[in-house]
Amino acid sequence: MPLNDERPASTSSGEDQGSDVESSSERCDSMTSTSDLDCSRESFTSDCSSKHCTPSSSPPKTLTLDEVMESARDMSNLSIAHEIIVNRNFHLEPDTLPQGSLWKAVRDNLHKAFWDILESELNDDPPEYGQAIRLLEDIRETLLSFLNPGANRMRTQIMEVLDMDLIRQQADNDAVDIQGLASYIITTMGKICAPVRDEEIKKLRGSSENIVTLFREIFRVLDLMKVDIVNFTIDNLRPVLQRQSVEYERAKFQSILDKTPNALKHTTSWIKSTLEELSAITPKDNPGKGEQLVPGPFQVINAANLRILTWDYDKSQLPETWMTDETRLQEIQWQLQRCQAVNEVLLIIYNTVGGPIQGLPSLSDRLKRMISVLLDGMHRPDFNLEEALEGVSAQICCELNKSLTERNYPTLTPALQATLTGQICNITQEDNPIRTLVEDRVQQYFMALMCDPKPQVKLEQVPAGLTAIKPELALIGAKFVSLVNYNKVVYGPFYADIIRKLMFSSSPPAASPPQDTAQDSVTSK
């Protein structure tokens, strides 16, 4: 895709899902099943024997630099296509560099040097047009790149007016009408620009600046028009990609796998560690016999996806099949961490203070907003959670005392305030019982969503103790399950192949029809 050199930008990922939970769950019926534990080895292996299900893999080989670079480009294109598909608000913005940065200083100096040379040449007697001709040639190519294939009339007109050979002849005789050419360029820009740029074109037409400044502004508006054209192309491409999204992403990833055979290294490790954890679980009804559960493939992939919510990005690389959603997953994780902390603090408050503050939804909402604001950014490395919780405790005590005084209740005693502060600050400990309780129930909630064929029904059914964050939890759950279900649809055959090899490679395979027969039966169906 011709978008590699642009800088993507998008709005908050809270509104960026291209497909809702219901549609995503319907498309992933092939990867979810209510009878997961009954999935036999024979049915699993035979289902994945078809060429339509099992991805192909290449034998190990030594990669050349060109192959590595090509795979990197394929991954970049896959990431951009995926972003266009799932993010309705995805668009490109003009390239801007931070103020005071070295790159901005270098770029500004180079641009200034270019325009200074142009001004110096045009002010010579007689004028020198070498720099101006190169500039006009760039403008001509840019205008031509904006035209649709059928715009032959305007293409011919641009080529005639901005005829470089003719302009060079005019330059040799000091007869170049620079002002007239600038006027024609502005008029042409006004015909092909997006409506949002009409005001910019109007300013160019009414500009009284010298010719060098005018051309500088023309280039600035042309850069904006380039971004408009790319965004227009994205908007037109999105419906096509969404109709063929699963096939496109799967085929693109398969091409990467063909060129880079170890492209599923981290994905395999992720699934393997999940399978080992599930296999080590002893059934509760027969704890003395030491029997082990034999997890089904759908149970394995759901448990693996649940681990994504608590993924440590500093210690482990995300599975390759999730890399296109890394930013969205991190934002979901950060939002969930803050919601859990807010819920833990609220549970401590109501368990410690008790009756005098029960049944007051307005107070609960104020406390919730206050805690959420004070814990904003708690995912950042420089965020001191212990100090923040001390600040939260102080604000909470003030708010509680105010509410108690207004309703003629005695204020919190210093001892009770100290107890409240200590319990709130203690949630930084991993073995804190309140923290453990909340995290376990959040995990139960997300697992229930992933296992249900219609998760939108269960979004509002939060476990006991999580009622305070139900709206936030439902929103986060909808986003996460939508991503999970789409990921299952796209990468399901790759997961099935990995799980099949991990579960059955050490034992003789179940009887299955020959490959040709299996493929013929799938095709006939």
Protein backbone atom coordinates (compact mmCIF):
# COMPACT_ATOMS: atom_id res chain seq x y z
CA MET A 1 0.00 0.00 0.00
CA PRO A 2 1.31 3.47 -0.82
CA LEU A 3 0.89 4.78 2.68
CA ASN A 4 4.18 3.80 4.30
CA ASP A 5 5.68 7.28 4.24
CA GLU A 6 2.75 8.98 5.95
CA ARG A 7 2.30 9.41 9.65
CA PRO A 8 -0.98 7.89 10.89
CA ALA A 9 -2.99 9.57 13.56
CA SER A 10 -6.30 8.65 15.06
CA THR A 11 -8.71 9.72 17.70
CA SER A 12 -9.15 7.98 21.01
CA SER A 13 -9.44 4.26 20.68
CA GLY A 14 -12.60 4.36 22.76
CA GLU A 15 -14.51 4.96 19.51
CA ASP A 16 -12.32 3.16 17.04
CA GLN A 17 -13.89 -0.24 16.62
CA GLY A 18 -14.92 -0.89 13.06
CA SER A 19 -17.20 -3.81 13.97
CA ASP A 20 -19.41 -4.10 17.03
CA VAL A 21 -19.46 -6.95 19.54
CA GLU A 22 -22.48 -8.68 18.07
CA SER A 23 -21.23 -8.82 14.49
CA SER A 24 -17.78 -9.89 15.64
CA SER A 25 -19.16 -12.70 17.76
CA GLU A 26 -21.31 -13.96 14.93
CA ARG A 27 -18.30 -14.11 12.63
CA CYS A 28 -16.26 -16.11 15.13
CA ASP A 29 -18.71 -18.98 15.63
CA SER A 30 -16.10 -21.21 14.04
CA MET A 31 -13.71 -20.54 16.93
CA THR A 32 -16.16 -20.58 19.88
CA SER A 33 -18.16 -23.48 21.17
CA THR A 34 -20.24 -24.19 24.24
CA SER A 35 -19.09 -27.81 24.22
CA ASP A 36 -15.42 -26.99 24.18
CA LEU A 37 -14.31 -29.67 26.61
CA ASP A 38 -16.04 -32.32 24.51
CA CYS A 39 -13.91 -31.51 21.47
CA SER A 40 -12.13 -34.74 20.58
CA ARG A 41 -8.72 -35.10 19.02
CA GLU A 42 -10.23 -36.68 15.93
CA SER A 43 -12.71 -33.89 15.26
CA PHE A 44 -10.10 -31.22 15.92
CA THR A 45 -7.48 -32.71 13.64
CA SER A 46 -9.89 -33.56 10.86
CA ASP A 47 -11.49 -30.11 10.96
CA CYS A 48 -8.10 -28.54 10.45
CA SER A 49 -6.86 -30.85 7.75
CA SER A 50 -8.38 -28.83 4.93
CA LYS A 51 -6.38 -26.32 2.96
CA HIS A 52 -9.05 -23.77 3.89
CA CYS A 53 -8.24 -24.10 7.60
CA THR A 54 -4.64 -25.08 8.09
CA PRO A 55 -2.08 -22.42 7.17
CA SER A 56 0.96 -23.54 5.33
CA SER A 57 4.44 -23.12 6.72
CA SER A 58 7.82 -23.08 5.08
CA PRO A 59 10.86 -25.11 6.15
CA PRO A 60 13.60 -23.19 7.97
CA LYS A 61 15.89 -21.27 5.68
CA THR A 62 18.45 -18.50 5.75
CA LEU A 63 16.84 -15.15 5.02
CA THR A 64 18.45 -12.49 2.88
CA LEU A 65 18.34 -8.81 3.78
CA ASP A 66 15.89 -8.17 0.94
CA GLU A 67 13.53 -10.84 2.28
CA VAL A 68 13.69 -9.38 5.79
CA MET A 69 12.95 -5.88 4.44
CA GLU A 70 10.09 -7.21 2.32
CA SER A 71 8.57 -8.94 5.34
CA ALA A 72 8.87 -5.72 7.31
CA ARG A 73 7.05 -3.84 4.55
CA ASP A 74 4.34 -6.52 4.48
CA MET A 75 3.90 -6.16 8.25
CA SER A 76 3.69 -2.38 7.93
CA ASN A 77 1.06 -2.68 5.19
CA LEU A 78 -0.88 -5.24 7.25
CA SER A 79 -0.85 -2.90 10.26
CA ILE A 80 -2.13 0.04 8.20
CA ALA A 81 -4.85 -2.05 6.54
CA HIS A 82 -5.93 -3.43 9.93
CA GLU A 83 -6.09 0.10 11.36
CA ILE A 84 -8.28 1.26 8.47
CA ILE A 85 -10.59 -1.74 8.98
CA VAL A 86 -11.13 -1.56 12.75
CA ASN A 87 -10.82 2.19 13.34
CA ARG A 88 -13.58 4.28 11.76
CA ASN A 89 -11.75 7.45 12.74
CA PHE A 90 -8.36 6.50 11.31
CA HIS A 91 -6.90 9.28 9.20
CA LEU A 92 -3.58 10.88 8.37
CA GLU A 93 -2.49 14.27 9.59
CA PRO A 94 0.14 16.66 8.22
CA ASP A 95 3.63 15.80 9.37
CA THR A 96 4.55 18.01 12.30
CA LEU A 97 7.75 17.99 14.33
CA PRO A 98 7.93 18.95 18.03
CA GLN A 99 8.90 22.51 18.80
CA GLY A 100 12.54 22.79 19.79
CA SER A 101 13.49 19.41 18.35
CA LEU A 102 16.69 18.94 16.36
CA TRP A 103 14.81 17.56 13.35
CA LYS A 104 12.56 20.63 13.23
CA ALA A 105 15.54 22.96 13.46
CA VAL A 106 17.33 21.14 10.62
CA ARG A 107 14.25 21.07 8.41
CA ASP A 108 13.44 24.75 9.03
CA ASN A 109 17.00 25.77 8.21
CA LEU A 110 17.00 23.77 4.97
CA HIS A 111 13.68 25.25 3.91
CA LYS A 112 14.88 28.76 4.74
CA ALA A 113 18.01 28.20 2.67
CA PHE A 114 15.93 27.05 -0.29
CA TRP A 115 13.62 30.08 -0.19
CA ASP A 116 16.53 32.48 0.38
CA ILE A 117 18.26 31.12 -2.74
CA LEU A 118 15.05 31.49 -4.75
CA GLU A 119 14.59 35.09 -3.61
CA SER A 120 18.21 35.92 -4.35
CA GLU A 121 18.01 34.47 -7.87
CA LEU A 122 14.77 36.28 -8.72
CA ASN A 123 16.21 39.58 -7.44
CA ASP A 124 19.29 39.30 -9.64
CA ASP A 125 19.59 41.57 -12.67
CA PRO A 126 18.79 39.84 -14.92
CA PRO A 127 16.83 37.29 -12.84
CA GLU A 128 18.06 33.71 -12.58
CA TYR A 129 15.23 31.13 -12.96
CA GLY A 130 17.01 27.83 -12.25
CA GLN A 131 15.54 27.35 -8.75
CA ALA A 132 12.14 28.66 -9.85
CA ILE A 133 11.94 26.17 -12.74
CA ARG A 134 12.69 23.24 -10.43
CA LEU A 135 9.98 24.53 -8.08
CA LEU A 136 7.43 24.82 -10.93
CA GLU A 137 8.29 21.31 -12.07
CA ASP A 138 7.59 19.94 -8.57
CA ILE A 139 4.28 21.80 -8.45
CA ARG A 140 3.27 20.42 -11.87
CA GLU A 141 3.96 16.82 -10.80
CA THR A 142 2.03 17.35 -7.57
CA LEU A 143 -1.02 18.78 -9.39
CA LEU A 144 -0.96 15.90 -11.88
CA SER A 145 -0.84 13.38 -9.02
CA PHE A 146 -4.14 14.79 -7.67
CA LEU A 147 -6.07 14.10 -10.90
CA ASN A 148 -8.32 11.11 -11.49
CA PRO A 149 -7.42 8.84 -14.44
CA GLY A 150 -10.25 10.32 -16.55
CA ALA A 151 -9.35 13.99 -16.07
CA ASN A 152 -7.63 14.20 -19.44
CA ARG A 153 -8.70 17.76 -20.24
CA MET A 154 -7.26 19.26 -17.06
CA ARG A 155 -4.15 17.08 -17.38
CA THR A 156 -3.54 18.43 -20.89
CA GLN A 157 -4.10 22.00 -19.74
CA ILE A 158 -1.63 21.67 -16.85
CA MET A 159 0.98 20.20 -19.20
CA GLU A 160 0.47 23.06 -21.67
CA VAL A 161 0.61 25.91 -19.15
CA LEU A 162 3.44 24.40 -17.12
CA ASP A 163 5.44 23.30 -20.15
CA MET A 164 8.95 23.15 -18.74
CA ASP A 165 10.68 23.37 -22.13
CA LEU A 166 8.73 26.51 -22.99
CA ILE A 167 9.38 28.04 -19.58
CA ARG A 168 13.13 27.39 -19.95
CA GLN A 169 13.08 29.15 -23.32
CA GLN A 170 11.25 32.08 -21.73
CA ALA A 171 13.82 32.13 -18.92
CA ASP A 172 16.65 32.37 -21.43
CA ASN A 173 14.97 35.51 -22.82
CA ASP A 174 13.94 36.90 -19.40
CA ALA A 175 10.27 36.60 -20.36
CA VAL A 176 8.88 34.30 -17.63
CA ASP A 177 5.58 35.50 -16.16
CA ILE A 178 6.08 34.12 -12.65
CA GLN A 179 3.08 36.01 -11.26
CA GLY A 180 0.84 34.66 -14.02
CA LEU A 181 2.01 31.09 -13.45
CA ALA A 182 1.37 31.45 -9.72
CA SER A 183 -2.14 32.71 -10.43
CA TYR A 184 -2.85 29.73 -12.71
CA ILE A 185 -1.51 27.29 -10.11
CA ILE A 186 -3.77 28.76 -7.40
CA THR A 187 -6.80 28.60 -9.72
CA THR A 188 -6.07 24.95 -10.54
CA MET A 189 -5.63 24.12 -6.87
CA GLY A 190 -9.04 25.66 -6.18
CA LYS A 191 -10.65 23.35 -8.77
CA ILE A 192 -9.29 20.10 -7.34
CA CYS A 193 -8.96 20.77 -3.59
CA ALA A 194 -11.35 19.46 -0.94
CA PRO A 195 -14.02 21.91 0.31
CA VAL A 196 -12.16 22.17 3.63
CA ARG A 197 -9.31 23.96 1.80
CA ASP A 198 -11.49 26.63 0.12
CA GLU A 199 -10.56 29.19 2.76
CA GLU A 200 -6.86 28.52 2.25
CA ILE A 201 -7.24 28.99 -1.53
CA LYS A 202 -9.13 32.23 -0.94
CA LYS A 203 -6.25 33.54 1.15
CA LEU A 204 -3.77 32.62 -1.59
CA ARG A 205 -5.83 34.49 -4.20
CA GLY A 206 -5.95 37.61 -2.07
CA SER A 207 -2.33 37.47 -0.95
CA SER A 208 -0.29 40.65 -1.39
CA GLU A 209 2.99 39.02 -0.34
CA ASN A 210 6.02 38.90 -2.60
CA ILE A 211 6.30 36.04 -5.09
CA VAL A 212 8.65 33.97 -2.90
CA THR A 213 6.33 34.11 0.11
CA LEU A 214 3.38 33.31 -2.17
CA PHE A 215 5.07 30.18 -3.51
CA ARG A 216 5.98 29.17 0.02
CA GLU A 217 2.29 29.34 0.97
CA ILE A 218 1.35 27.45 -2.18
CA PHE A 219 3.62 24.58 -1.11
CA ARG A 220 2.13 24.61 2.39
CA VAL A 221 -1.41 24.26 0.99
CA LEU A 222 -0.27 21.58 -1.46
CA ASP A 223 1.05 19.56 1.48
CA LEU A 224 -2.37 19.82 3.12
CA MET A 225 -4.02 18.72 -0.12
CA LYS A 226 -1.77 15.66 -0.26
CA VAL A 227 -3.06 14.58 3.14
CA ASP A 228 -6.65 15.24 2.00
CA ILE A 229 -6.15 13.01 -1.04
CA VAL A 230 -4.75 10.18 1.08
CA ASN A 231 -7.61 10.45 3.59
CA PHE A 232 -10.12 10.47 0.71
CA THR A 233 -8.48 7.31 -0.61
CA ILE A 234 -8.67 5.71 2.84
CA ASP A 235 -12.39 6.50 3.13
CA ASN A 236 -13.04 4.90 -0.25
CA LEU A 237 -10.81 1.93 0.51
CA ARG A 238 -12.34 1.17 3.91
CA PRO A 239 -15.60 -0.48 2.67
CA VAL A 240 -13.61 -2.68 0.27
CA LEU A 241 -11.19 -3.76 3.00
CA GLN A 242 -14.00 -4.38 5.47
CA ARG A 243 -15.80 -6.67 3.02
CA GLN A 244 -12.64 -8.68 2.45
CA SER A 245 -10.89 -7.97 5.74
CA VAL A 246 -10.55 -11.53 7.03
CA GLU A 247 -9.28 -12.96 3.74
CA TYR A 248 -6.94 -10.02 3.16
CA GLU A 249 -5.34 -10.03 6.62
CA ARG A 250 -5.02 -13.80 6.72
CA ALA A 251 -3.45 -13.94 3.25
CA LYS A 252 -1.09 -11.07 4.06
CA PHE A 253 0.03 -12.76 7.28
CA GLN A 254 0.49 -16.05 5.44
CA SER A 255 2.78 -14.29 2.97
CA ILE A 256 4.82 -13.00 5.91
CA LEU A 257 4.95 -16.52 7.35
CA ASP A 258 6.12 -17.89 4.01
CA LYS A 259 9.03 -15.45 3.94
CA THR A 260 9.79 -15.62 7.68
CA PRO A 261 9.10 -19.17 8.96
CA ASN A 262 9.64 -18.19 12.63
CA ALA A 263 7.03 -15.41 12.42
CA LEU A 264 4.83 -17.30 14.91
CA LYS A 265 7.55 -17.81 17.52
CA HIS A 266 6.00 -15.63 20.23
CA THR A 267 2.47 -16.78 19.38
CA THR A 268 3.51 -20.41 19.81
CA SER A 269 5.20 -19.65 23.15
CA TRP A 270 2.08 -17.78 24.32
CA ILE A 271 -0.25 -20.66 23.48
CA LYS A 272 2.16 -23.30 24.80
CA SER A 273 2.49 -21.67 28.22
CA THR A 274 -1.31 -21.34 28.44
CA LEU A 275 -1.79 -24.99 27.49
CA GLU A 276 0.73 -26.08 30.14
CA GLU A 277 -1.06 -24.05 32.82
CA LEU A 278 -4.46 -25.52 31.93
CA SER A 279 -3.09 -29.05 31.72
CA ALA A 280 -1.64 -28.77 35.22
CA ILE A 281 -5.05 -28.02 36.78
CA THR A 282 -6.49 -30.85 38.87
CA PRO A 283 -10.30 -31.27 38.79
CA LYS A 284 -11.95 -30.03 41.97
CA ASP A 285 -14.28 -33.02 42.20
CA ASN A 286 -11.37 -35.51 42.25
CA PRO A 287 -8.52 -33.70 44.00
CA GLY A 288 -7.05 -36.86 45.51
CA LYS A 289 -6.64 -38.78 42.26
CA GLY A 290 -4.35 -36.21 40.71
CA GLU A 291 -6.14 -36.39 37.38
CA GLN A 292 -5.42 -33.65 34.92
CA LEU A 293 -7.86 -31.81 32.72
CA VAL A 294 -7.46 -32.16 28.98
CA PRO A 295 -8.26 -28.66 27.76
CA GLY A 296 -10.06 -28.21 24.48
CA PRO A 297 -8.70 -25.86 21.82
CA PHE A 298 -11.34 -23.20 22.41
CA GLN A 299 -10.65 -23.24 26.13
CA VAL A 300 -6.95 -22.82 25.40
CA ILE A 301 -7.37 -19.84 23.08
CA ASN A 302 -9.85 -18.11 25.42
CA ALA A 303 -7.50 -18.54 28.37
CA ALA A 304 -4.62 -17.28 26.25
CA ASN A 305 -6.58 -14.21 25.21
CA LEU A 306 -7.47 -13.52 28.84
CA ARG A 307 -3.73 -13.27 29.59
CA ILE A 308 -3.48 -10.43 27.08
CA LEU A 309 -5.39 -8.21 29.53
CA THR A 310 -2.53 -8.45 32.04
CA TRP A 311 0.34 -8.69 29.56
CA ASP A 312 3.69 -7.33 30.77
CA TYR A 313 4.94 -5.46 27.72
CA ASP A 314 8.29 -4.71 29.36
CA LYS A 315 9.14 -8.39 29.88
CA SER A 316 7.59 -10.16 26.91
CA GLN A 317 6.86 -9.35 23.31
CA LEU A 318 3.22 -9.53 22.31
CA PRO A 319 2.21 -12.52 20.12
CA GLU A 320 2.72 -11.72 16.45
CA THR A 321 -0.98 -12.21 15.72
CA TRP A 322 -1.82 -9.38 18.15
CA MET A 323 0.84 -6.87 17.08
CA THR A 324 -1.54 -4.88 14.85
CA ASP A 325 -3.70 -4.17 17.93
CA GLU A 326 -0.90 -3.47 20.40
CA THR A 327 -1.81 0.19 20.98
CA ARG A 328 -5.50 -0.62 21.48
CA LEU A 329 -4.68 -3.49 23.86
CA GLN A 330 -2.41 -1.28 25.95
CA GLU A 331 -5.10 1.39 26.24
CA ILE A 332 -7.64 -1.24 27.28
CA GLN A 333 -5.20 -2.55 29.89
CA TRP A 334 -4.56 0.95 31.27
CA GLN A 335 -8.27 1.74 31.45
CA LEU A 336 -8.95 -1.57 33.18
CA GLN A 337 -6.16 -1.06 35.72
CA ARG A 338 -7.56 2.32 36.70
CA CYS A 339 -11.12 0.97 36.92
CA GLN A 340 -9.94 -1.85 39.17
CA ALA A 341 -8.09 0.58 41.44
CA VAL A 342 -11.16 2.83 41.67
CA ASN A 343 -13.34 -0.14 42.55
CA GLU A 344 -10.87 -1.37 45.17
CA VAL A 345 -10.77 2.03 46.86
CA LEU A 346 -14.58 2.29 46.87
CA LEU A 347 -14.93 -1.18 48.39
CA ILE A 348 -12.51 -0.23 51.16
CA ILE A 349 -14.39 3.03 51.84
CA TYR A 350 -17.81 1.40 52.18
CA ASN A 351 -16.50 -1.57 54.17
CA THR A 352 -14.63 0.70 56.57
CA VAL A 353 -17.12 3.54 57.10
CA GLY A 354 -20.30 1.53 56.66
CA GLY A 355 -23.85 2.70 57.32
CA PRO A 356 -23.55 6.50 57.43
CA ILE A 357 -22.59 6.64 53.74
CA GLN A 358 -24.71 3.80 52.36
CA GLY A 359 -27.51 4.51 49.90
CA LEU A 360 -26.12 7.85 48.66
CA PRO A 361 -25.58 7.55 44.87
CA SER A 362 -24.55 11.20 44.53
CA LEU A 363 -21.77 10.72 47.10
CA SER A 364 -20.67 7.49 45.44
CA ASP A 365 -20.47 9.25 42.06
CA ARG A 366 -18.43 12.12 43.51
CA LEU A 367 -16.00 9.74 45.17
CA LYS A 368 -15.69 7.69 42.00
CA ARG A 369 -14.95 10.74 39.83
CA MET A 370 -12.46 12.07 42.36
CA ILE A 371 -10.55 8.80 42.61
CA SER A 372 -10.55 8.34 38.85
CA VAL A 373 -9.12 11.82 38.24
CA LEU A 374 -6.41 11.44 40.86
CA LEU A 375 -5.37 8.06 39.44
CA ASP A 376 -5.32 9.24 35.83
CA GLY A 377 -2.04 8.23 34.19
CA MET A 378 -1.24 5.52 36.74
CA HIS A 379 0.20 3.38 33.91
CA ARG A 380 3.04 5.82 33.28
CA PRO A 381 6.50 4.75 34.50
CA ASP A 382 6.99 8.02 36.37
CA PHE A 383 3.64 7.74 38.20
CA ASN A 384 4.05 7.18 41.96
CA LEU A 385 1.02 5.12 42.91
CA GLU A 386 1.69 5.16 46.66
CA GLU A 387 1.87 8.96 46.75
CA ALA A 388 -1.22 9.21 44.58
CA LEU A 389 -3.16 6.89 46.92
CA GLU A 390 -2.13 8.99 49.90
CA GLY A 391 -3.55 12.02 48.08
CA VAL A 392 -6.69 10.04 47.26
CA SER A 393 -7.09 9.10 50.93
CA ALA A 394 -6.78 12.71 52.07
CA GLN A 395 -9.35 13.92 49.54
CA ILE A 396 -11.72 11.08 50.41
CA CYS A 397 -11.56 11.85 54.13
CA CYS A 398 -12.37 15.52 53.43
CA GLU A 399 -15.28 14.58 51.17
CA LEU A 400 -16.65 12.05 53.67
CA ASN A 401 -16.40 14.47 56.57
CA LYS A 402 -18.21 17.11 54.55
CA SER A 403 -21.00 14.70 53.67
CA LEU A 404 -21.30 13.41 57.23
CA THR A 405 -21.46 16.95 58.66
CA GLU A 406 -24.20 17.97 56.21
CA ARG A 407 -26.32 15.04 57.42
CA ASN A 408 -25.58 15.60 61.15
CA TYR A 409 -23.33 12.57 61.50
CA PRO A 410 -20.08 12.71 63.50
CA THR A 411 -16.98 13.12 61.35
CA LEU A 412 -14.41 10.37 60.96
CA THR A 413 -12.14 9.93 63.94
CA PRO A 414 -8.37 10.30 63.39
CA ALA A 415 -7.96 6.58 64.05
CA LEU A 416 -10.58 5.68 61.46
CA GLN A 417 -9.00 8.04 58.95
CA ALA A 418 -5.62 6.43 59.56
CA THR A 419 -7.12 2.97 59.11
CA LEU A 420 -8.83 4.05 55.88
CA THR A 421 -5.62 5.58 54.53
CA GLY A 422 -3.59 2.51 55.42
CA GLN A 423 -6.00 0.12 53.74
CA ILE A 424 -6.21 2.25 50.58
CA CYS A 425 -2.43 2.55 50.28
CA ASN A 426 -2.07 -1.18 50.84
CA ILE A 427 -3.73 -2.05 47.53
CA THR A 428 -0.32 -1.55 45.91
CA GLN A 429 0.61 -4.95 47.39
CA GLU A 430 -0.04 -7.81 44.98
CA ASP A 431 -1.33 -10.10 47.75
CA ASN A 432 -3.83 -7.53 49.05
CA PRO A 433 -7.13 -9.44 49.54
CA ILE A 434 -9.32 -6.64 48.14
CA ARG A 435 -7.10 -6.32 45.10
CA THR A 436 -7.04 -10.09 44.58
CA LEU A 437 -10.83 -10.28 44.88
CA VAL A 438 -11.43 -7.51 42.33
CA GLU A 439 -8.88 -8.83 39.85
CA ASP A 440 -10.29 -12.38 40.06
CA ARG A 441 -13.83 -11.21 39.44
CA VAL A 442 -12.76 -9.00 36.56
CA GLN A 443 -11.08 -12.06 35.02
CA GLN A 444 -14.30 -14.05 35.51
CA TYR A 445 -16.26 -11.29 33.80
CA PHE A 446 -14.04 -11.19 30.71
CA MET A 447 -13.87 -14.98 30.46
CA ALA A 448 -17.68 -15.15 30.56
CA LEU A 449 -17.83 -12.59 27.74
CA MET A 450 -15.39 -14.53 25.57
CA CYS A 451 -17.12 -17.87 26.13
CA ASP A 452 -20.62 -16.59 25.36
CA PRO A 453 -21.72 -16.67 21.68
CA LYS A 454 -23.66 -13.44 22.27
CA PRO A 455 -21.48 -11.44 24.69
CA GLN A 456 -23.50 -8.23 24.31
CA VAL A 457 -26.15 -9.85 26.54
CA LYS A 458 -23.65 -10.31 29.38
CA LEU A 459 -21.98 -6.90 29.22
CA GLU A 460 -24.19 -5.52 31.99
CA GLN A 461 -24.01 -8.67 34.11
CA VAL A 462 -20.98 -7.84 36.22
CA PRO A 463 -20.02 -10.04 39.19
CA ALA A 464 -20.84 -8.97 42.73
CA GLY A 465 -18.50 -6.30 44.05
CA LEU A 466 -17.96 -4.66 40.66
CA THR A 467 -21.24 -2.72 40.46
CA ALA A 468 -19.51 0.63 41.01
CA ILE A 469 -17.58 0.31 37.74
CA LYS A 470 -20.25 -1.47 35.70
CA PRO A 471 -20.55 1.23 32.96
CA GLU A 472 -16.79 1.44 32.49
CA LEU A 473 -16.39 -2.32 32.63
CA ALA A 474 -19.10 -2.86 30.02
CA LEU A 475 -17.44 -0.36 27.66
CA ILE A 476 -13.99 -1.93 28.08
CA GLY A 477 -15.49 -5.41 27.75
CA ALA A 478 -17.22 -4.53 24.49
CA LYS A 479 -14.00 -3.18 22.98
CA PHE A 480 -11.89 -6.13 24.11
CA VAL A 481 -14.32 -8.85 23.04
CA SER A 482 -14.75 -7.17 19.66
CA LEU A 483 -10.98 -7.30 19.16
CA VAL A 484 -10.76 -10.89 20.40
CA ASN A 485 -13.54 -12.15 18.16
CA TYR A 486 -12.13 -10.48 15.07
CA ASN A 487 -8.68 -11.83 15.93
CA LYS A 488 -10.09 -15.35 16.23
CA VAL A 489 -11.73 -15.12 12.83
CA VAL A 490 -8.56 -13.91 11.11
CA TYR A 491 -5.97 -16.04 12.88
CA GLY A 492 -8.11 -19.03 13.89
CA PRO A 493 -6.44 -21.41 11.39
CA PHE A 494 -2.99 -20.44 12.66
CA TYR A 495 -4.06 -21.00 16.28
CA ALA A 496 -5.66 -24.33 15.38
CA ASP A 497 -2.49 -25.51 13.69
CA ILE A 498 -0.32 -24.52 16.66
CA ILE A 499 -2.64 -26.11 19.25
CA ARG A 500 -2.98 -29.30 17.21
CA LYS A 501 0.80 -29.69 17.00
CA LEU A 502 1.29 -28.92 20.71
CA MET A 503 -1.45 -31.28 21.89
CA PHE A 504 -1.02 -34.23 19.56
CA SER A 505 2.51 -34.23 18.19
CA SER A 506 3.76 -36.61 20.91
CA SER A 507 0.98 -39.19 20.38
CA PRO A 508 -0.16 -41.06 17.28
CA PRO A 509 -2.68 -39.04 15.28
CA ALA A 510 -6.29 -40.12 15.10
CA ALA A 511 -7.51 -41.82 11.97
CA SER A 512 -8.50 -39.31 9.35
CA PRO A 513 -9.27 -39.47 5.65
CA PRO A 514 -6.49 -38.81 3.16
CA GLN A 515 -5.69 -35.17 2.53
CA ASP A 516 -7.33 -35.12 -0.90
CA THR A 517 -10.50 -36.71 0.45
CA ALA A 518 -10.72 -34.23 3.33
CA GLN A 519 -10.25 -31.29 1.01
CA ASP A 520 -12.84 -32.64 -1.43
CA SER A 521 -15.38 -33.08 1.36
CA VAL A 522 -14.86 -29.51 2.58
CA THR A 523 -15.18 -28.18 -0.94
CA SER A 524 -18.35 -30.12 -1.56
CA LYS A 525 -19.87 -28.72 1.62
